[in-house]
Amino acid sequence: MQFISIFTWEPGKAAEIMEARAREEIPEGVTLINEWVDIVGNTVFRLIETDDPVALMRVSFPWSDLGYKEVHPVMESKKALTILRG
């Protein structure tokens, strides 16, 4: 299953966040599909894939003391429409 992870931090913490990201190891069971940084704000967006709830926790939890995170299960719109139409 794919998830969008949205991580936001307080202004002035960018260096600390980027250092943490450079040290980060993506846990086994999680595929990092892509990652985007808001170039005018304090937010990172990640598209990840995993079927393992423990791996999902492991990729998300280390960031909880550095800012605010949201994790949302997602799927491509075309696929969702196909499912909804039956």
PDB file of N, CA and C in Angstrom:
ATOM      1  N   MET A   1       0.844  -1.171   0.000  1.00  0.00           N
ATOM      2  CA  MET A   1       0.000   0.000   0.000  1.00  0.00           C
ATOM      3  C   MET A   1       0.892   1.237   0.000  1.00  0.00           C
ATOM      4  N   GLN A   2       0.410   2.287  -0.668  1.00  0.00           N
ATOM      5  CA  GLN A   2       1.177   3.524  -0.720  1.00  0.00           C
ATOM      6  C   GLN A   2       0.643   4.541   0.288  1.00  0.00           C
ATOM      7  N   PHE A   3       1.561   5.357   0.787  1.00  0.00           N
ATOM      8  CA  PHE A   3       1.239   6.380   1.775  1.00  0.00           C
ATOM      9  C   PHE A   3       1.928   7.680   1.394  1.00  0.00           C
ATOM     10  N   ILE A   4       1.226   8.788   1.614  1.00  0.00           N
ATOM     11  CA  ILE A   4       1.847  10.110   1.541  1.00  0.00           C
ATOM     12  C   ILE A   4       2.156  10.512   2.978  1.00  0.00           C
ATOM     13  N   SER A   5       3.394  10.847   3.205  1.00  0.00           N
ATOM     14  CA  SER A   5       3.836  11.326   4.504  1.00  0.00           C
ATOM     15  C   SER A   5       4.145  12.806   4.359  1.00  0.00           C
ATOM     16  N   ILE A   6       3.547  13.612   5.208  1.00  0.00           N
ATOM     17  CA  ILE A   6       3.755  15.063   5.179  1.00  0.00           C
ATOM     18  C   ILE A   6       4.401  15.450   6.500  1.00  0.00           C
ATOM     19  N   PHE A   7       5.588  16.010   6.413  1.00  0.00           N
ATOM     20  CA  PHE A   7       6.328  16.382   7.616  1.00  0.00           C
ATOM     21  C   PHE A   7       6.613  17.872   7.583  1.00  0.00           C
ATOM     22  N   THR A   8       6.222  18.576   8.650  1.00  0.00           N
ATOM     23  CA  THR A   8       6.407  20.023   8.755  1.00  0.00           C
ATOM     24  C   THR A   8       7.189  20.328  10.025  1.00  0.00           C
ATOM     25  N   TRP A   9       8.088  21.294   9.939  1.00  0.00           N
ATOM     26  CA  TRP A   9       8.881  21.678  11.104  1.00  0.00           C
ATOM     27  C   TRP A   9       8.820  23.184  11.309  1.00  0.00           C
ATOM     28  N   GLU A  10       9.226  23.597  12.487  1.00  0.00           N
ATOM     29  CA  GLU A  10       9.228  25.014  12.842  1.00  0.00           C
ATOM     30  C   GLU A  10      10.332  25.751  12.076  1.00  0.00           C
ATOM     31  N   PRO A  11      10.093  27.008  11.718  1.00  0.00           N
ATOM     32  CA  PRO A  11      11.148  27.801  11.062  1.00  0.00           C
ATOM     33  C   PRO A  11      12.419  27.795  11.920  1.00  0.00           C
ATOM     34  N   GLY A  12      13.540  27.781  11.249  1.00  0.00           N
ATOM     35  CA  GLY A  12      14.821  27.794  11.949  1.00  0.00           C
ATOM     36  C   GLY A  12      15.385  26.407  12.207  1.00  0.00           C
ATOM     37  N   LYS A  13      14.641  25.345  11.915  1.00  0.00           N
ATOM     38  CA  LYS A  13      15.112  23.985  12.154  1.00  0.00           C
ATOM     39  C   LYS A  13      15.568  23.267  10.884  1.00  0.00           C
ATOM     40  N   ALA A  14      15.624  23.983   9.769  1.00  0.00           N
ATOM     41  CA  ALA A  14      15.933  23.338   8.492  1.00  0.00           C
ATOM     42  C   ALA A  14      17.265  22.589   8.520  1.00  0.00           C
ATOM     43  N   ALA A  15      18.298  23.180   9.071  1.00  0.00           N
ATOM     44  CA  ALA A  15      19.611  22.527   9.109  1.00  0.00           C
ATOM     45  C   ALA A  15      19.536  21.227   9.916  1.00  0.00           C
ATOM     46  N   GLU A  16      18.871  21.268  11.060  1.00  0.00           N
ATOM     47  CA  GLU A  16      18.719  20.081  11.900  1.00  0.00           C
ATOM     48  C   GLU A  16      17.946  18.984  11.154  1.00  0.00           C
ATOM     49  N   ILE A  17      16.906  19.377  10.443  1.00  0.00           N
ATOM     50  CA  ILE A  17      16.090  18.421   9.691  1.00  0.00           C
ATOM     51  C   ILE A  17      16.903  17.806   8.562  1.00  0.00           C
ATOM     52  N   MET A  18      17.633  18.612   7.817  1.00  0.00           N
ATOM     53  CA  MET A  18      18.417  18.097   6.695  1.00  0.00           C
ATOM     54  C   MET A  18      19.537  17.177   7.182  1.00  0.00           C
ATOM     55  N   GLU A  19      20.126  17.478   8.331  1.00  0.00           N
ATOM     56  CA  GLU A  19      21.147  16.594   8.906  1.00  0.00           C
ATOM     57  C   GLU A  19      20.531  15.251   9.295  1.00  0.00           C
ATOM     58  N   ALA A  20      19.357  15.298   9.912  1.00  0.00           N
ATOM     59  CA  ALA A  20      18.665  14.061  10.291  1.00  0.00           C
ATOM     60  C   ALA A  20      18.318  13.244   9.047  1.00  0.00           C
ATOM     61  N   ARG A  21      17.893  13.909   7.993  1.00  0.00           N
ATOM     62  CA  ARG A  21      17.543  13.210   6.744  1.00  0.00           C
ATOM     63  C   ARG A  21      18.772  12.552   6.137  1.00  0.00           C
ATOM     64  N   ALA A  22      19.915  13.229   6.190  1.00  0.00           N
ATOM     65  CA  ALA A  22      21.153  12.672   5.632  1.00  0.00           C
ATOM     66  C   ALA A  22      21.579  11.399   6.380  1.00  0.00           C
ATOM     67  N   ARG A  23      21.275  11.316   7.669  1.00  0.00           N
ATOM     68  CA  ARG A  23      21.631  10.150   8.487  1.00  0.00           C
ATOM     69  C   ARG A  23      20.586   9.035   8.418  1.00  0.00           C
ATOM     70  N   GLU A  24      19.396   9.378   7.955  1.00  0.00           N
ATOM     71  CA  GLU A  24      18.289   8.430   7.994  1.00  0.00           C
ATOM     72  C   GLU A  24      18.544   7.205   7.117  1.00  0.00           C
ATOM     73  N   GLU A  25      18.164   6.047   7.641  1.00  0.00           N
ATOM     74  CA  GLU A  25      18.159   4.812   6.869  1.00  0.00           C
ATOM     75  C   GLU A  25      16.715   4.354   6.766  1.00  0.00           C
ATOM     76  N   ILE A  26      16.243   4.164   5.549  1.00  0.00           N
ATOM     77  CA  ILE A  26      14.879   3.697   5.333  1.00  0.00           C
ATOM     78  C   ILE A  26      14.819   2.238   5.790  1.00  0.00           C
ATOM     79  N   PRO A  27      13.879   1.897   6.683  1.00  0.00           N
ATOM     80  CA  PRO A  27      13.838   0.538   7.211  1.00  0.00           C
ATOM     81  C   PRO A  27      13.456  -0.508   6.157  1.00  0.00           C
ATOM     82  N   GLU A  28      13.903  -1.714   6.391  1.00  0.00           N
ATOM     83  CA  GLU A  28      13.531  -2.828   5.531  1.00  0.00           C
ATOM     84  C   GLU A  28      12.011  -2.954   5.532  1.00  0.00           C
ATOM     85  N   GLY A  29      11.453  -3.221   4.377  1.00  0.00           N
ATOM     86  CA  GLY A  29      10.008  -3.335   4.257  1.00  0.00           C
ATOM     87  C   GLY A  29       9.327  -2.067   3.778  1.00  0.00           C
ATOM     88  N   VAL A  30      10.108  -0.978   3.638  1.00  0.00           N
ATOM     89  CA  VAL A  30       9.570   0.294   3.151  1.00  0.00           C
ATOM     90  C   VAL A  30      10.324   0.679   1.882  1.00  0.00           C
ATOM     91  N   THR A  31       9.581   1.050   0.858  1.00  0.00           N
ATOM     92  CA  THR A  31      10.183   1.576  -0.361  1.00  0.00           C
ATOM     93  C   THR A  31       9.860   3.065  -0.434  1.00  0.00           C
ATOM     94  N   LEU A  32      10.896   3.875  -0.495  1.00  0.00           N
ATOM     95  CA  LEU A  32      10.730   5.317  -0.689  1.00  0.00           C
ATOM     96  C   LEU A  32      10.618   5.553  -2.192  1.00  0.00           C
ATOM     97  N   ILE A  33       9.419   5.889  -2.657  1.00  0.00           N
ATOM     98  CA  ILE A  33       9.181   6.065  -4.085  1.00  0.00           C
ATOM     99  C   ILE A  33       9.693   7.417  -4.559  1.00  0.00           C
ATOM    100  N   ASN A  34       9.375   8.450  -3.801  1.00  0.00           N
ATOM    101  CA  ASN A  34       9.864   9.790  -4.144  1.00  0.00           C
ATOM    102  C   ASN A  34       9.691  10.702  -2.940  1.00  0.00           C
ATOM    103  N   GLU A  35      10.369  11.835  -2.994  1.00  0.00           N
ATOM    104  CA  GLU A  35      10.345  12.790  -1.886  1.00  0.00           C
ATOM    105  C   GLU A  35      10.459  14.190  -2.477  1.00  0.00           C
ATOM    106  N   TRP A  36       9.662  15.105  -1.947  1.00  0.00           N
ATOM    107  CA  TRP A  36       9.669  16.485  -2.426  1.00  0.00           C
ATOM    108  C   TRP A  36       9.788  17.426  -1.238  1.00  0.00           C
ATOM    109  N   VAL A  37      10.529  18.506  -1.418  1.00  0.00           N
ATOM    110  CA  VAL A  37      10.684  19.530  -0.393  1.00  0.00           C
ATOM    111  C   VAL A  37       9.973  20.788  -0.873  1.00  0.00           C
ATOM    112  N   ASP A  38       9.146  21.358  -0.015  1.00  0.00           N
ATOM    113  CA  ASP A  38       8.498  22.646  -0.296  1.00  0.00           C
ATOM    114  C   ASP A  38       9.601  23.699  -0.279  1.00  0.00           C
ATOM    115  N   ILE A  39       9.896  24.278  -1.427  1.00  0.00           N
ATOM    116  CA  ILE A  39      11.051  25.172  -1.530  1.00  0.00           C
ATOM    117  C   ILE A  39      10.817  26.552  -0.931  1.00  0.00           C
ATOM    118  N   VAL A  40       9.595  26.844  -0.508  1.00  0.00           N
ATOM    119  CA  VAL A  40       9.334  28.134   0.138  1.00  0.00           C
ATOM    120  C   VAL A  40       8.769  27.964   1.545  1.00  0.00           C
ATOM    121  N   GLY A  41       8.761  26.747   2.038  1.00  0.00           N
ATOM    122  CA  GLY A  41       8.201  26.503   3.363  1.00  0.00           C
ATOM    123  C   GLY A  41       9.035  25.504   4.139  1.00  0.00           C
ATOM    124  N   ASN A  42       8.429  24.920   5.130  1.00  0.00           N
ATOM    125  CA  ASN A  42       9.108  23.987   6.029  1.00  0.00           C
ATOM    126  C   ASN A  42       8.418  22.629   5.989  1.00  0.00           C
ATOM    127  N   THR A  43       8.283  22.073   4.794  1.00  0.00           N
ATOM    128  CA  THR A  43       7.537  20.835   4.645  1.00  0.00           C
ATOM    129  C   THR A  43       8.231  19.903   3.661  1.00  0.00           C
ATOM    130  N   VAL A  44       8.188  18.611   3.988  1.00  0.00           N
ATOM    131  CA  VAL A  44       8.656  17.552   3.089  1.00  0.00           C
ATOM    132  C   VAL A  44       7.482  16.616   2.839  1.00  0.00           C
ATOM    133  N   PHE A  45       7.331  16.199   1.591  1.00  0.00           N
ATOM    134  CA  PHE A  45       6.300  15.242   1.193  1.00  0.00           C
ATOM    135  C   PHE A  45       7.011  13.988   0.702  1.00  0.00           C
ATOM    136  N   ARG A  46       6.563  12.831   1.175  1.00  0.00           N
ATOM    137  CA  ARG A  46       7.141  11.565   0.748  1.00  0.00           C
ATOM    138  C   ARG A  46       6.048  10.639   0.260  1.00  0.00           C
ATOM    139  N   LEU A  47       6.353   9.915  -0.798  1.00  0.00           N
ATOM    140  CA  LEU A  47       5.496   8.825  -1.228  1.00  0.00           C
ATOM    141  C   LEU A  47       6.247   7.543  -0.914  1.00  0.00           C
ATOM    142  N   ILE A  48       5.678   6.743  -0.037  1.00  0.00           N
ATOM    143  CA  ILE A  48       6.318   5.494   0.362  1.00  0.00           C
ATOM    144  C   ILE A  48       5.361   4.334   0.111  1.00  0.00           C
ATOM    145  N   GLU A  49       5.929   3.142   0.088  1.00  0.00           N
ATOM    146  CA  GLU A  49       5.107   1.956  -0.095  1.00  0.00           C
ATOM    147  C   GLU A  49       5.526   0.906   0.925  1.00  0.00           C
ATOM    148  N   THR A  50       4.528   0.304   1.575  1.00  0.00           N
ATOM    149  CA  THR A  50       4.770  -0.784   2.504  1.00  0.00           C
ATOM    150  C   THR A  50       3.465  -1.507   2.790  1.00  0.00           C
ATOM    151  N   ASP A  51       3.584  -2.779   3.078  1.00  0.00           N
ATOM    152  CA  ASP A  51       2.435  -3.558   3.538  1.00  0.00           C
ATOM    153  C   ASP A  51       2.630  -3.968   4.995  1.00  0.00           C
ATOM    154  N   ASP A  52       3.678  -3.443   5.604  1.00  0.00           N
ATOM    155  CA  ASP A  52       4.055  -3.822   6.969  1.00  0.00           C
ATOM    156  C   ASP A  52       3.819  -2.647   7.921  1.00  0.00           C
ATOM    157  N   PRO A  53       2.820  -2.753   8.821  1.00  0.00           N
ATOM    158  CA  PRO A  53       2.552  -1.644   9.742  1.00  0.00           C
ATOM    159  C   PRO A  53       3.727  -1.333  10.668  1.00  0.00           C
ATOM    160  N   VAL A  54       4.520  -2.332  11.022  1.00  0.00           N
ATOM    161  CA  VAL A  54       5.688  -2.087  11.880  1.00  0.00           C
ATOM    162  C   VAL A  54       6.718  -1.253  11.131  1.00  0.00           C
ATOM    163  N   ALA A  55       6.946  -1.578   9.866  1.00  0.00           N
ATOM    164  CA  ALA A  55       7.883  -0.796   9.049  1.00  0.00           C
ATOM    165  C   ALA A  55       7.382   0.633   8.870  1.00  0.00           C
ATOM    166  N   LEU A  56       6.073   0.795   8.716  1.00  0.00           N
ATOM    167  CA  LEU A  56       5.496   2.144   8.598  1.00  0.00           C
ATOM    168  C   LEU A  56       5.767   2.953   9.868  1.00  0.00           C
ATOM    169  N   MET A  57       5.611   2.328  11.009  1.00  0.00           N
ATOM    170  CA  MET A  57       5.916   3.009  12.273  1.00  0.00           C
ATOM    171  C   MET A  57       7.404   3.360  12.353  1.00  0.00           C
ATOM    172  N   ARG A  58       8.262   2.440  11.919  1.00  0.00           N
ATOM    173  CA  ARG A  58       9.716   2.666  12.000  1.00  0.00           C
ATOM    174  C   ARG A  58      10.187   3.800  11.104  1.00  0.00           C
ATOM    175  N   VAL A  59       9.531   3.991   9.971  1.00  0.00           N
ATOM    176  CA  VAL A  59       9.944   5.082   9.084  1.00  0.00           C
ATOM    177  C   VAL A  59       9.372   6.420   9.554  1.00  0.00           C
ATOM    178  N   SER A  60       8.301   6.393  10.322  1.00  0.00           N
ATOM    179  CA  SER A  60       7.641   7.625  10.758  1.00  0.00           C
ATOM    180  C   SER A  60       8.062   8.094  12.143  1.00  0.00           C
ATOM    181  N   PHE A  61       8.194   7.194  13.074  1.00  0.00           N
ATOM    182  CA  PHE A  61       8.398   7.554  14.478  1.00  0.00           C
ATOM    183  C   PHE A  61       9.640   8.403  14.759  1.00  0.00           C
ATOM    184  N   PRO A  62      10.796   8.111  14.141  1.00  0.00           N
ATOM    185  CA  PRO A  62      11.996   8.896  14.485  1.00  0.00           C
ATOM    186  C   PRO A  62      11.855  10.401  14.252  1.00  0.00           C
ATOM    187  N   TRP A  63      10.902  10.807  13.453  1.00  0.00           N
ATOM    188  CA  TRP A  63      10.733  12.220  13.137  1.00  0.00           C
ATOM    189  C   TRP A  63       9.806  12.937  14.117  1.00  0.00           C
ATOM    190  N   SER A  64       9.155  12.210  15.005  1.00  0.00           N
ATOM    191  CA  SER A  64       8.106  12.813  15.832  1.00  0.00           C
ATOM    192  C   SER A  64       8.613  13.863  16.817  1.00  0.00           C
ATOM    193  N   ASP A  65       9.869  13.839  17.179  1.00  0.00           N
ATOM    194  CA  ASP A  65      10.380  14.857  18.096  1.00  0.00           C
ATOM    195  C   ASP A  65      10.921  16.089  17.366  1.00  0.00           C
ATOM    196  N   LEU A  66      10.925  16.055  16.025  1.00  0.00           N
ATOM    197  CA  LEU A  66      11.491  17.153  15.250  1.00  0.00           C
ATOM    198  C   LEU A  66      10.444  18.068  14.610  1.00  0.00           C
ATOM    199  N   GLY A  67       9.200  17.608  14.567  1.00  0.00           N
ATOM    200  CA  GLY A  67       8.165  18.412  13.924  1.00  0.00           C
ATOM    201  C   GLY A  67       6.830  17.701  13.961  1.00  0.00           C
ATOM    202  N   TYR A  68       6.000  17.986  12.987  1.00  0.00           N
ATOM    203  CA  TYR A  68       4.637  17.463  12.922  1.00  0.00           C
ATOM    204  C   TYR A  68       4.496  16.606  11.675  1.00  0.00           C
ATOM    205  N   LYS A  69       3.922  15.428  11.823  1.00  0.00           N
ATOM    206  CA  LYS A  69       3.784  14.561  10.662  1.00  0.00           C
ATOM    207  C   LYS A  69       2.362  14.062  10.495  1.00  0.00           C
ATOM    208  N   GLU A  70       2.015  13.845   9.247  1.00  0.00           N
ATOM    209  CA  GLU A  70       0.749  13.230   8.879  1.00  0.00           C
ATOM    210  C   GLU A  70       1.091  12.092   7.928  1.00  0.00           C
ATOM    211  N   VAL A  71       0.358  10.995   8.014  1.00  0.00           N
ATOM    212  CA  VAL A  71       0.535   9.879   7.093  1.00  0.00           C
ATOM    213  C   VAL A  71      -0.844   9.489   6.584  1.00  0.00           C
ATOM    214  N   HIS A  72      -0.982   9.456   5.244  1.00  0.00           N
ATOM    215  CA  HIS A  72      -2.281   9.175   4.627  1.00  0.00           C
ATOM    216  C   HIS A  72      -2.146   8.048   3.613  1.00  0.00           C
ATOM    217  N   PRO A  73      -2.990   7.006   3.705  1.00  0.00           N
ATOM    218  CA  PRO A  73      -2.982   5.987   2.658  1.00  0.00           C
ATOM    219  C   PRO A  73      -3.534   6.589   1.373  1.00  0.00           C
ATOM    220  N   VAL A  74      -2.895   6.295   0.235  1.00  0.00           N
ATOM    221  CA  VAL A  74      -3.308   6.874  -1.044  1.00  0.00           C
ATOM    222  C   VAL A  74      -3.277   5.818  -2.149  1.00  0.00           C
ATOM    223  N   MET A  75      -4.000   6.122  -3.234  1.00  0.00           N
ATOM    224  CA  MET A  75      -3.896   5.356  -4.463  1.00  0.00           C
ATOM    225  C   MET A  75      -4.142   6.296  -5.623  1.00  0.00           C
ATOM    226  N   GLU A  76      -3.690   5.894  -6.802  1.00  0.00           N
ATOM    227  CA  GLU A  76      -3.881   6.726  -7.979  1.00  0.00           C
ATOM    228  C   GLU A  76      -5.369   6.902  -8.239  1.00  0.00           C
ATOM    229  N   SER A  77      -5.740   8.092  -8.665  1.00  0.00           N
ATOM    230  CA  SER A  77      -7.154   8.427  -8.878  1.00  0.00           C
ATOM    231  C   SER A  77      -7.826   7.487  -9.873  1.00  0.00           C
ATOM    232  N   LYS A  78      -7.138   7.165 -10.968  1.00  0.00           N
ATOM    233  CA  LYS A  78      -7.733   6.277 -11.971  1.00  0.00           C
ATOM    234  C   LYS A  78      -8.087   4.923 -11.369  1.00  0.00           C
ATOM    235  N   LYS A  79      -7.213   4.388 -10.551  1.00  0.00           N
ATOM    236  CA  LYS A  79      -7.474   3.097  -9.909  1.00  0.00           C
ATOM    237  C   LYS A  79      -8.645   3.212  -8.944  1.00  0.00           C
ATOM    238  N   ALA A  80      -8.687   4.287  -8.167  1.00  0.00           N
ATOM    239  CA  ALA A  80      -9.790   4.486  -7.219  1.00  0.00           C
ATOM    240  C   ALA A  80     -11.126   4.595  -7.948  1.00  0.00           C
ATOM    241  N   LEU A  81     -11.146   5.313  -9.075  1.00  0.00           N
ATOM    242  CA  LEU A  81     -12.375   5.451  -9.856  1.00  0.00           C
ATOM    243  C   LEU A  81     -12.839   4.104 -10.406  1.00  0.00           C
ATOM    244  N   THR A  82     -11.896   3.295 -10.867  1.00  0.00           N
ATOM    245  CA  THR A  82     -12.229   1.972 -11.366  1.00  0.00           C
ATOM    246  C   THR A  82     -12.855   1.121 -10.263  1.00  0.00           C
ATOM    247  N   ILE A  83     -12.293   1.167  -9.092  1.00  0.00           N
ATOM    248  CA  ILE A  83     -12.822   0.409  -7.953  1.00  0.00           C
ATOM    249  C   ILE A  83     -14.201   0.908  -7.574  1.00  0.00           C
ATOM    250  N   LEU A  84     -14.366   2.214  -7.514  1.00  0.00           N
ATOM    251  CA  LEU A  84     -15.645   2.800  -7.109  1.00  0.00           C
ATOM    252  C   LEU A  84     -16.766   2.522  -8.120  1.00  0.00           C
ATOM    253  N   ARG A  85     -16.399   2.426  -9.376  1.00  0.00           N
ATOM    254  CA  ARG A  85     -17.387   2.149 -10.420  1.00  0.00           C
ATOM    255  C   ARG A  85     -17.775   0.674 -10.482  1.00  0.00           C
ATOM    256  N   GLY A  86     -16.955  -0.170  -9.832  1.00  0.00           N
ATOM    257  CA  GLY A  86     -17.266  -1.598  -9.783  1.00  0.00           C
ATOM    258  C   GLY A  86     -16.829  -2.251 -11.006  1.00  0.00           C
TER     259      GLY A  86
END
